[in-house]
Amino acid sequence: MKAARGSVVTKKGTPWGTIIAVVAIVALAASVIIYYMVQSAPKREQAGREQAAASFAPTASDPDPSKRIPGVVTANYTGSVHVLPTERVAYDKTPPFGGPHDGYWATCTGTVYPNAVRTENMVHSLEHGAVWIAYNPQQVTGDALNLLKVRVQGKPFTMMSPYPGLDKPISLQSWGHQLKLDDANDPRIDEFIAALRSNPNGVYPEVGASCDALGPGQFDPDNPPPFDPSKPGPDAKPMDYKGTAGAQNEQGGMNQQPSSGAPAPSATPSK
């Protein structure tokens, strides 16, 4: 009996099914982690850039830190001067960063416009404290374009659009401020945004104004009025224009004063 029992050898087979399942789970987990790391890398890198630029955040003792950024150009403009959606303004700068503008603002809630947008609407958003990143679509593509997008997407009071014919690859605008650059890696981009986006210290006229979408019939971010690349004609409104009667105002009503009358209510950025 002992011999018989000893002659019977019981062997268990290799659990290949279990091994394959474990390997598949580990491989899936690794692929998920790799995918997350790759996809989140731009945001993590941007967080680092924003942290490096944090010293340019405005304070009561340093109300306009953009003055410390090399290359920033400033100008004084009167706010709340509105024109009709059918009118153009003969702006003094390209891209403009202040002056008369459409009564409807462009949506500036972290909005990346794939196509160039009517300038008069974009300027209105600057009056509300937004930063506008404009770029030359012939010069900024691929990785450089993505570097700009990550600075805008999901960021309040920020917007971005191509600007055909721009004399530099990149141009940043806030009300009364502009910075033109050659490289999407330039840290001054993040410094400019930190210093001027929603700056509460009077560097733009309408502190607390909205950047939200207005919608069809006003300004539809899904179908915005297109950019006009042609030179403004003789009927374009000059920079010292006082506003068009009947143009939309900030309270949702219409401007009442004639264009030759008293100026619209104004605010001048403090420098």
C-alpha atoms as a PDB file:
ATOM      1  CA  MET A   1       0.000   0.000   0.000  1.00  0.00           C
ATOM      2  CA  LYS A   2       2.819   2.360   0.873  1.00  0.00           C
ATOM      3  CA  ALA A   3       4.614   1.523  -2.332  1.00  0.00           C
ATOM      4  CA  ALA A   4       1.454   2.080  -4.300  1.00  0.00           C
ATOM      5  CA  ARG A   5       0.821   5.389  -2.680  1.00  0.00           C
ATOM      6  CA  GLY A   6       4.398   6.494  -3.225  1.00  0.00           C
ATOM      7  CA  SER A   7       4.251   5.608  -6.871  1.00  0.00           C
ATOM      8  CA  VAL A   8       1.458   8.052  -7.507  1.00  0.00           C
ATOM      9  CA  VAL A   9       2.947  11.481  -8.234  1.00  0.00           C
ATOM     10  CA  THR A  10       0.483  14.349  -8.261  1.00  0.00           C
ATOM     11  CA  LYS A  11       1.616  17.361 -10.256  1.00  0.00           C
ATOM     12  CA  LYS A  12      -0.145  20.690 -10.585  1.00  0.00           C
ATOM     13  CA  GLY A  13      -0.005  22.416 -13.976  1.00  0.00           C
ATOM     14  CA  THR A  14       1.507  25.921 -14.367  1.00  0.00           C
ATOM     15  CA  PRO A  15      -1.304  28.521 -13.930  1.00  0.00           C
ATOM     16  CA  TRP A  16      -0.736  30.214 -17.247  1.00  0.00           C
ATOM     17  CA  GLY A  17      -4.154  31.846 -17.248  1.00  0.00           C
ATOM     18  CA  THR A  18      -3.481  33.587 -13.967  1.00  0.00           C
ATOM     19  CA  ILE A  19      -0.006  34.677 -15.064  1.00  0.00           C
ATOM     20  CA  ILE A  20      -1.299  36.075 -18.329  1.00  0.00           C
ATOM     21  CA  ALA A  21      -4.092  37.942 -16.512  1.00  0.00           C
ATOM     22  CA  VAL A  22      -1.658  39.472 -14.020  1.00  0.00           C
ATOM     23  CA  VAL A  23       0.750  40.488 -16.782  1.00  0.00           C
ATOM     24  CA  ALA A  24      -2.142  42.080 -18.711  1.00  0.00           C
ATOM     25  CA  ILE A  25      -3.292  44.011 -15.651  1.00  0.00           C
ATOM     26  CA  VAL A  26       0.229  45.261 -14.943  1.00  0.00           C
ATOM     27  CA  ALA A  27       0.698  46.252 -18.587  1.00  0.00           C
ATOM     28  CA  LEU A  28      -2.640  48.087 -18.604  1.00  0.00           C
ATOM     29  CA  ALA A  29      -1.783  49.919 -15.395  1.00  0.00           C
ATOM     30  CA  ALA A  30       1.611  50.888 -16.795  1.00  0.00           C
ATOM     31  CA  SER A  31       0.045  52.161 -20.024  1.00  0.00           C
ATOM     32  CA  VAL A  32      -2.489  54.223 -18.062  1.00  0.00           C
ATOM     33  CA  ILE A  33       0.276  55.744 -15.954  1.00  0.00           C
ATOM     34  CA  ILE A  34       2.390  56.500 -19.022  1.00  0.00           C
ATOM     35  CA  TYR A  35      -0.612  58.010 -20.831  1.00  0.00           C
ATOM     36  CA  TYR A  36      -1.408  60.185 -17.805  1.00  0.00           C
ATOM     37  CA  MET A  37       2.181  61.333 -17.478  1.00  0.00           C
ATOM     38  CA  VAL A  38       2.388  62.212 -21.165  1.00  0.00           C
ATOM     39  CA  GLN A  39      -0.972  63.958 -21.264  1.00  0.00           C
ATOM     40  CA  SER A  40      -0.469  65.853 -18.019  1.00  0.00           C
ATOM     41  CA  ALA A  41       3.095  66.916 -18.798  1.00  0.00           C
ATOM     42  CA  PRO A  42       2.104  70.191 -20.519  1.00  0.00           C
ATOM     43  CA  LYS A  43      -0.064  71.215 -17.556  1.00  0.00           C
ATOM     44  CA  ARG A  44       2.620  70.257 -15.044  1.00  0.00           C
ATOM     45  CA  GLU A  45       5.222  72.180 -17.003  1.00  0.00           C
ATOM     46  CA  GLN A  46       2.900  75.168 -17.199  1.00  0.00           C
ATOM     47  CA  ALA A  47       2.368  75.043 -13.451  1.00  0.00           C
ATOM     48  CA  GLY A  48       6.129  75.338 -13.094  1.00  0.00           C
ATOM     49  CA  ARG A  49       6.244  78.333 -15.415  1.00  0.00           C
ATOM     50  CA  GLU A  50       3.458  80.028 -13.479  1.00  0.00           C
ATOM     51  CA  GLN A  51       5.244  79.390 -10.207  1.00  0.00           C
ATOM     52  CA  ALA A  52       8.408  80.948 -11.615  1.00  0.00           C
ATOM     53  CA  ALA A  53       6.401  84.032 -12.653  1.00  0.00           C
ATOM     54  CA  ALA A  54       4.568  84.367  -9.328  1.00  0.00           C
ATOM     55  CA  SER A  55       6.795  87.232  -8.243  1.00  0.00           C
ATOM     56  CA  PHE A  56       5.083  89.354 -10.922  1.00  0.00           C
ATOM     57  CA  ALA A  57       1.662  89.121  -9.282  1.00  0.00           C
ATOM     58  CA  PRO A  58       0.359  92.634  -8.515  1.00  0.00           C
ATOM     59  CA  THR A  59       0.216  93.954  -4.971  1.00  0.00           C
ATOM     60  CA  ALA A  60      -0.776  97.240  -3.377  1.00  0.00           C
ATOM     61  CA  SER A  61       2.882  98.266  -3.212  1.00  0.00           C
ATOM     62  CA  ASP A  62       3.613  96.986  -6.734  1.00  0.00           C
ATOM     63  CA  PRO A  63       0.396  97.753  -8.637  1.00  0.00           C
ATOM     64  CA  ASP A  64       1.782  97.191 -12.154  1.00  0.00           C
ATOM     65  CA  PRO A  65       4.621  94.648 -12.109  1.00  0.00           C
ATOM     66  CA  SER A  66       4.686  94.642 -15.922  1.00  0.00           C
ATOM     67  CA  LYS A  67       6.878  97.748 -15.642  1.00  0.00           C
ATOM     68  CA  ARG A  68       9.667  95.353 -14.633  1.00  0.00           C
ATOM     69  CA  ILE A  69       9.261  93.209 -17.762  1.00  0.00           C
ATOM     70  CA  PRO A  70      11.680  94.169 -20.573  1.00  0.00           C
ATOM     71  CA  GLY A  71       9.930  94.986 -23.834  1.00  0.00           C
ATOM     72  CA  VAL A  72       6.495  95.942 -22.508  1.00  0.00           C
ATOM     73  CA  VAL A  73       5.027  98.957 -24.319  1.00  0.00           C
ATOM     74  CA  THR A  74       2.336 101.036 -22.607  1.00  0.00           C
ATOM     75  CA  ALA A  75      -0.188 103.670 -23.687  1.00  0.00           C
ATOM     76  CA  ASN A  76      -3.132 105.492 -22.107  1.00  0.00           C
ATOM     77  CA  TYR A  77      -6.595 104.884 -23.548  1.00  0.00           C
ATOM     78  CA  THR A  78     -10.071 106.058 -22.587  1.00  0.00           C
ATOM     79  CA  GLY A  79     -12.468 103.234 -21.820  1.00  0.00           C
ATOM     80  CA  SER A  80     -16.183 102.697 -22.500  1.00  0.00           C
ATOM     81  CA  VAL A  81     -16.166 104.144 -26.026  1.00  0.00           C
ATOM     82  CA  HIS A  82     -18.310 101.861 -28.166  1.00  0.00           C
ATOM     83  CA  VAL A  83     -18.970 101.413 -31.864  1.00  0.00           C
ATOM     84  CA  LEU A  84     -21.532  99.376 -33.783  1.00  0.00           C
ATOM     85  CA  PRO A  85     -20.874  95.828 -35.009  1.00  0.00           C
ATOM     86  CA  THR A  86     -20.820  97.238 -38.535  1.00  0.00           C
ATOM     87  CA  GLU A  87     -18.195  99.902 -37.777  1.00  0.00           C
ATOM     88  CA  ARG A  88     -14.418  99.716 -37.784  1.00  0.00           C
ATOM     89  CA  VAL A  89     -11.808 101.568 -35.761  1.00  0.00           C
ATOM     90  CA  ALA A  90      -8.564 102.961 -37.198  1.00  0.00           C
ATOM     91  CA  TYR A  91      -6.397 101.615 -34.403  1.00  0.00           C
ATOM     92  CA  ASP A  92      -3.011 103.143 -33.672  1.00  0.00           C
ATOM     93  CA  LYS A  93      -1.332  99.824 -32.807  1.00  0.00           C
ATOM     94  CA  THR A  94      -1.185  96.364 -34.368  1.00  0.00           C
ATOM     95  CA  PRO A  95      -2.633  94.420 -32.689  1.00  0.00           C
ATOM     96  CA  PRO A  96      -4.451  97.148 -30.783  1.00  0.00           C
ATOM     97  CA  PHE A  97      -4.497  97.171 -27.003  1.00  0.00           C
ATOM     98  CA  GLY A  98      -6.966  99.933 -26.257  1.00  0.00           C
ATOM     99  CA  GLY A  99      -9.269 102.489 -27.793  1.00  0.00           C
ATOM    100  CA  PRO A 100     -12.840 102.512 -29.124  1.00  0.00           C
ATOM    101  CA  HIS A 101     -14.323  99.057 -29.508  1.00  0.00           C
ATOM    102  CA  ASP A 102     -17.463  97.068 -30.199  1.00  0.00           C
ATOM    103  CA  GLY A 103     -20.191  97.121 -27.555  1.00  0.00           C
ATOM    104  CA  TYR A 104     -20.011  93.319 -27.315  1.00  0.00           C
ATOM    105  CA  TRP A 105     -16.882  91.771 -25.825  1.00  0.00           C
ATOM    106  CA  ALA A 106     -15.251  88.611 -27.105  1.00  0.00           C
ATOM    107  CA  THR A 107     -15.563  85.625 -24.796  1.00  0.00           C
ATOM    108  CA  CYS A 108     -12.369  85.466 -22.739  1.00  0.00           C
ATOM    109  CA  THR A 109     -12.864  82.504 -20.417  1.00  0.00           C
ATOM    110  CA  GLY A 110      -9.748  80.604 -21.424  1.00  0.00           C
ATOM    111  CA  THR A 111     -10.896  80.692 -25.026  1.00  0.00           C
ATOM    112  CA  VAL A 112      -8.651  79.531 -27.868  1.00  0.00           C
ATOM    113  CA  TYR A 113     -10.074  80.788 -31.149  1.00  0.00           C
ATOM    114  CA  PRO A 114      -8.952  78.676 -34.116  1.00  0.00           C
ATOM    115  CA  ASN A 115      -9.560  81.534 -36.543  1.00  0.00           C
ATOM    116  CA  ALA A 116      -8.838  85.245 -36.388  1.00  0.00           C
ATOM    117  CA  VAL A 117     -11.572  87.281 -34.677  1.00  0.00           C
ATOM    118  CA  ARG A 118     -12.831  90.808 -35.298  1.00  0.00           C
ATOM    119  CA  THR A 119     -10.426  93.156 -33.555  1.00  0.00           C
ATOM    120  CA  GLU A 120     -13.062  95.525 -32.168  1.00  0.00           C
ATOM    121  CA  ASN A 121     -14.564  92.701 -30.069  1.00  0.00           C
ATOM    122  CA  MET A 122     -11.193  91.506 -28.799  1.00  0.00           C
ATOM    123  CA  VAL A 123     -10.253  94.991 -27.614  1.00  0.00           C
ATOM    124  CA  HIS A 124     -13.427  95.182 -25.529  1.00  0.00           C
ATOM    125  CA  SER A 125     -12.300  92.085 -23.610  1.00  0.00           C
ATOM    126  CA  LEU A 126      -9.048  93.830 -22.709  1.00  0.00           C
ATOM    127  CA  GLU A 127     -11.129  96.557 -21.101  1.00  0.00           C
ATOM    128  CA  HIS A 128     -12.498  93.852 -18.778  1.00  0.00           C
ATOM    129  CA  GLY A 129      -9.064  92.747 -17.605  1.00  0.00           C
ATOM    130  CA  ALA A 130      -8.336  89.973 -20.097  1.00  0.00           C
ATOM    131  CA  VAL A 131      -4.988  89.097 -21.622  1.00  0.00           C
ATOM    132  CA  TRP A 132      -5.047  88.368 -25.350  1.00  0.00           C
ATOM    133  CA  ILE A 133      -2.340  86.208 -26.898  1.00  0.00           C
ATOM    134  CA  ALA A 134      -2.169  86.879 -30.624  1.00  0.00           C
ATOM    135  CA  TYR A 135       0.157  84.942 -32.899  1.00  0.00           C
ATOM    136  CA  ASN A 136       1.240  84.901 -36.522  1.00  0.00           C
ATOM    137  CA  PRO A 137      -0.213  81.652 -37.930  1.00  0.00           C
ATOM    138  CA  GLN A 138       2.568  81.494 -40.527  1.00  0.00           C
ATOM    139  CA  GLN A 139       5.248  81.500 -37.842  1.00  0.00           C
ATOM    140  CA  VAL A 140       3.734  79.746 -34.827  1.00  0.00           C
ATOM    141  CA  THR A 141       2.670  76.120 -35.338  1.00  0.00           C
ATOM    142  CA  GLY A 142       3.108  72.679 -33.776  1.00  0.00           C
ATOM    143  CA  ASP A 143       4.795  72.556 -30.374  1.00  0.00           C
ATOM    144  CA  ALA A 144       5.090  76.355 -30.189  1.00  0.00           C
ATOM    145  CA  LEU A 145       1.351  76.731 -30.749  1.00  0.00           C
ATOM    146  CA  ASN A 146       0.633  74.144 -28.054  1.00  0.00           C
ATOM    147  CA  LEU A 147       2.881  76.034 -25.643  1.00  0.00           C
ATOM    148  CA  LEU A 148       0.673  79.088 -26.100  1.00  0.00           C
ATOM    149  CA  LYS A 149      -2.572  77.111 -25.838  1.00  0.00           C
ATOM    150  CA  VAL A 150      -1.657  75.599 -22.474  1.00  0.00           C
ATOM    151  CA  ARG A 151      -1.302  79.119 -21.097  1.00  0.00           C
ATOM    152  CA  VAL A 152      -4.879  79.923 -22.120  1.00  0.00           C
ATOM    153  CA  GLN A 153      -7.097  76.848 -21.963  1.00  0.00           C
ATOM    154  CA  GLY A 154      -9.115  76.804 -18.767  1.00  0.00           C
ATOM    155  CA  LYS A 155      -7.642  80.104 -17.611  1.00  0.00           C
ATOM    156  CA  PRO A 156     -10.171  82.853 -16.786  1.00  0.00           C
ATOM    157  CA  PHE A 157      -9.752  86.272 -18.392  1.00  0.00           C
ATOM    158  CA  THR A 158      -7.490  84.842 -21.079  1.00  0.00           C
ATOM    159  CA  MET A 159      -8.003  84.391 -24.820  1.00  0.00           C
ATOM    160  CA  MET A 160      -5.925  83.537 -27.861  1.00  0.00           C
ATOM    161  CA  SER A 161      -6.312  83.865 -31.606  1.00  0.00           C
ATOM    162  CA  PRO A 162      -4.287  83.961 -34.804  1.00  0.00           C
ATOM    163  CA  TYR A 163      -3.544  87.442 -36.137  1.00  0.00           C
ATOM    164  CA  PRO A 164      -2.619  87.319 -39.834  1.00  0.00           C
ATOM    165  CA  GLY A 165       0.189  89.643 -40.848  1.00  0.00           C
ATOM    166  CA  LEU A 166       1.513  90.107 -37.316  1.00  0.00           C
ATOM    167  CA  ASP A 167       5.030  91.589 -37.451  1.00  0.00           C
ATOM    168  CA  LYS A 168       6.298  89.247 -34.704  1.00  0.00           C
ATOM    169  CA  PRO A 169       5.507  85.597 -34.034  1.00  0.00           C
ATOM    170  CA  ILE A 170       3.718  86.416 -30.761  1.00  0.00           C
ATOM    171  CA  SER A 171       2.070  89.522 -29.316  1.00  0.00           C
ATOM    172  CA  LEU A 172       0.495  89.794 -25.861  1.00  0.00           C
ATOM    173  CA  GLN A 173      -2.092  92.474 -25.124  1.00  0.00           C
ATOM    174  CA  SER A 174      -3.803  93.734 -22.010  1.00  0.00           C
ATOM    175  CA  TRP A 175      -5.504  97.121 -21.797  1.00  0.00           C
ATOM    176  CA  GLY A 176      -2.792  99.740 -22.286  1.00  0.00           C
ATOM    177  CA  HIS A 177       0.007  97.141 -22.435  1.00  0.00           C
ATOM    178  CA  GLN A 178       1.682  95.113 -25.171  1.00  0.00           C
ATOM    179  CA  LEU A 179       4.635  92.729 -25.395  1.00  0.00           C
ATOM    180  CA  LYS A 180       5.896  91.279 -28.690  1.00  0.00           C
ATOM    181  CA  LEU A 181       8.057  88.162 -28.658  1.00  0.00           C
ATOM    182  CA  ASP A 182       9.782  85.655 -30.920  1.00  0.00           C
ATOM    183  CA  ASP A 183       9.666  82.479 -28.827  1.00  0.00           C
ATOM    184  CA  ALA A 184       6.780  80.611 -27.167  1.00  0.00           C
ATOM    185  CA  ASN A 185       9.231  79.472 -24.465  1.00  0.00           C
ATOM    186  CA  ASP A 186       9.939  83.045 -23.381  1.00  0.00           C
ATOM    187  CA  PRO A 187       9.248  83.346 -19.613  1.00  0.00           C
ATOM    188  CA  ARG A 188       8.049  86.909 -20.134  1.00  0.00           C
ATOM    189  CA  ILE A 189       4.776  85.460 -21.448  1.00  0.00           C
ATOM    190  CA  ASP A 190       3.945  84.094 -18.008  1.00  0.00           C
ATOM    191  CA  GLU A 191       5.265  87.208 -16.285  1.00  0.00           C
ATOM    192  CA  PHE A 192       3.000  89.418 -18.430  1.00  0.00           C
ATOM    193  CA  ILE A 193      -0.028  87.264 -17.640  1.00  0.00           C
ATOM    194  CA  ALA A 194       0.769  87.180 -13.920  1.00  0.00           C
ATOM    195  CA  ALA A 195       1.198  90.947 -13.819  1.00  0.00           C
ATOM    196  CA  LEU A 196      -1.816  92.059 -15.818  1.00  0.00           C
ATOM    197  CA  ARG A 197      -4.597  89.470 -16.049  1.00  0.00           C
ATOM    198  CA  SER A 198      -7.440  90.669 -13.791  1.00  0.00           C
ATOM    199  CA  ASN A 199      -5.057  93.104 -12.132  1.00  0.00           C
ATOM    200  CA  PRO A 200      -7.239  94.894  -9.541  1.00  0.00           C
ATOM    201  CA  ASN A 201      -5.123  98.032  -9.294  1.00  0.00           C
ATOM    202  CA  GLY A 202      -6.706 100.208 -11.970  1.00  0.00           C
ATOM    203  CA  VAL A 203      -4.581  99.198 -14.952  1.00  0.00           C
ATOM    204  CA  TYR A 204      -7.743  98.523 -16.976  1.00  0.00           C
ATOM    205  CA  PRO A 205     -11.015 100.450 -16.906  1.00  0.00           C
ATOM    206  CA  GLU A 206     -13.711  97.963 -15.885  1.00  0.00           C
ATOM    207  CA  VAL A 207     -12.612  95.981 -12.848  1.00  0.00           C
ATOM    208  CA  GLY A 208     -15.146  93.246 -12.099  1.00  0.00           C
ATOM    209  CA  ALA A 209     -16.627  93.129 -15.592  1.00  0.00           C
ATOM    210  CA  SER A 210     -17.472  89.762 -17.124  1.00  0.00           C
ATOM    211  CA  CYS A 211     -15.598  87.664 -19.648  1.00  0.00           C
ATOM    212  CA  ASP A 212     -18.473  85.193 -20.085  1.00  0.00           C
ATOM    213  CA  ALA A 213     -19.976  84.261 -23.432  1.00  0.00           C
ATOM    214  CA  LEU A 214     -22.757  86.546 -24.623  1.00  0.00           C
ATOM    215  CA  GLY A 215     -24.210  84.159 -27.188  1.00  0.00           C
ATOM    216  CA  PRO A 216     -25.817  84.337 -30.628  1.00  0.00           C
ATOM    217  CA  GLY A 217     -26.957  87.775 -31.678  1.00  0.00           C
ATOM    218  CA  GLN A 218     -24.313  89.421 -29.501  1.00  0.00           C
ATOM    219  CA  PHE A 219     -20.983  87.577 -29.557  1.00  0.00           C
ATOM    220  CA  ASP A 220     -21.086  83.849 -30.197  1.00  0.00           C
ATOM    221  CA  PRO A 221     -17.712  82.217 -29.404  1.00  0.00           C
ATOM    222  CA  ASP A 222     -18.635  79.288 -31.641  1.00  0.00           C
ATOM    223  CA  ASN A 223     -19.248  81.621 -34.562  1.00  0.00           C
ATOM    224  CA  PRO A 224     -17.429  84.892 -33.811  1.00  0.00           C
ATOM    225  CA  PRO A 225     -17.301  87.814 -36.233  1.00  0.00           C
ATOM    226  CA  PRO A 226     -14.264  87.330 -38.466  1.00  0.00           C
ATOM    227  CA  PHE A 227     -11.109  89.389 -38.569  1.00  0.00           C
ATOM    228  CA  ASP A 228     -10.941  91.920 -41.412  1.00  0.00           C
ATOM    229  CA  PRO A 229      -7.386  92.059 -42.787  1.00  0.00           C
ATOM    230  CA  SER A 230      -8.062  95.035 -45.051  1.00  0.00           C
ATOM    231  CA  LYS A 231      -6.967  98.532 -44.174  1.00  0.00           C
ATOM    232  CA  PRO A 232      -9.730 100.537 -42.453  1.00  0.00           C
ATOM    233  CA  GLY A 233     -11.455 102.883 -44.873  1.00  0.00           C
ATOM    234  CA  PRO A 234     -12.083 106.626 -44.575  1.00  0.00           C
ATOM    235  CA  ASP A 235     -15.229 105.971 -42.538  1.00  0.00           C
ATOM    236  CA  ALA A 236     -13.297 104.125 -39.813  1.00  0.00           C
ATOM    237  CA  LYS A 237     -13.565 105.684 -36.373  1.00  0.00           C
ATOM    238  CA  PRO A 238     -10.448 107.495 -35.107  1.00  0.00           C
ATOM    239  CA  MET A 239      -8.769 106.826 -31.783  1.00  0.00           C
ATOM    240  CA  ASP A 240     -10.266 110.000 -30.276  1.00  0.00           C
ATOM    241  CA  TYR A 241     -13.794 108.961 -31.276  1.00  0.00           C
ATOM    242  CA  LYS A 242     -16.468 109.595 -28.645  1.00  0.00           C
ATOM    243  CA  GLY A 243     -18.750 106.639 -29.341  1.00  0.00           C
ATOM    244  CA  THR A 244     -21.664 105.840 -31.632  1.00  0.00           C
ATOM    245  CA  ALA A 245     -25.240 106.560 -30.593  1.00  0.00           C
ATOM    246  CA  GLY A 246     -27.117 103.257 -30.455  1.00  0.00           C
ATOM    247  CA  ALA A 247     -24.061 101.118 -29.749  1.00  0.00           C
ATOM    248  CA  GLN A 248     -24.370  98.571 -26.969  1.00  0.00           C
ATOM    249  CA  ASN A 249     -23.205  99.791 -23.576  1.00  0.00           C
ATOM    250  CA  GLU A 250     -22.047  97.858 -20.519  1.00  0.00           C
ATOM    251  CA  GLN A 251     -25.464  97.890 -18.878  1.00  0.00           C
ATOM    252  CA  GLY A 252     -27.111  96.129 -21.815  1.00  0.00           C
ATOM    253  CA  GLY A 253     -28.687  99.324 -23.138  1.00  0.00           C
ATOM    254  CA  MET A 254     -27.647 101.625 -25.940  1.00  0.00           C
ATOM    255  CA  ASN A 255     -25.354 104.628 -26.018  1.00  0.00           C
ATOM    256  CA  GLN A 256     -27.453 107.759 -26.136  1.00  0.00           C
ATOM    257  CA  GLN A 257     -24.918 110.429 -26.956  1.00  0.00           C
ATOM    258  CA  PRO A 258     -24.268 111.359 -30.594  1.00  0.00           C
ATOM    259  CA  SER A 259     -20.785 110.739 -31.930  1.00  0.00           C
ATOM    260  CA  SER A 260     -20.036 114.462 -31.881  1.00  0.00           C
ATOM    261  CA  GLY A 261     -21.273 114.955 -28.325  1.00  0.00           C
ATOM    262  CA  ALA A 262     -19.643 114.504 -24.955  1.00  0.00           C
ATOM    263  CA  PRO A 263     -17.332 111.587 -24.405  1.00  0.00           C
ATOM    264  CA  ALA A 264     -18.681 108.298 -23.189  1.00  0.00           C
ATOM    265  CA  PRO A 265     -18.011 107.533 -19.521  1.00  0.00           C
ATOM    266  CA  SER A 266     -14.321 106.823 -19.342  1.00  0.00           C
ATOM    267  CA  ALA A 267     -11.552 105.461 -17.201  1.00  0.00           C
ATOM    268  CA  THR A 268      -7.880 105.912 -17.879  1.00  0.00           C
ATOM    269  CA  PRO A 269      -5.471 103.172 -16.818  1.00  0.00           C
ATOM    270  CA  SER A 270      -3.158 104.229 -14.057  1.00  0.00           C
ATOM    271  CA  LYS A 271       0.528 103.767 -14.729  1.00  0.00           C
END
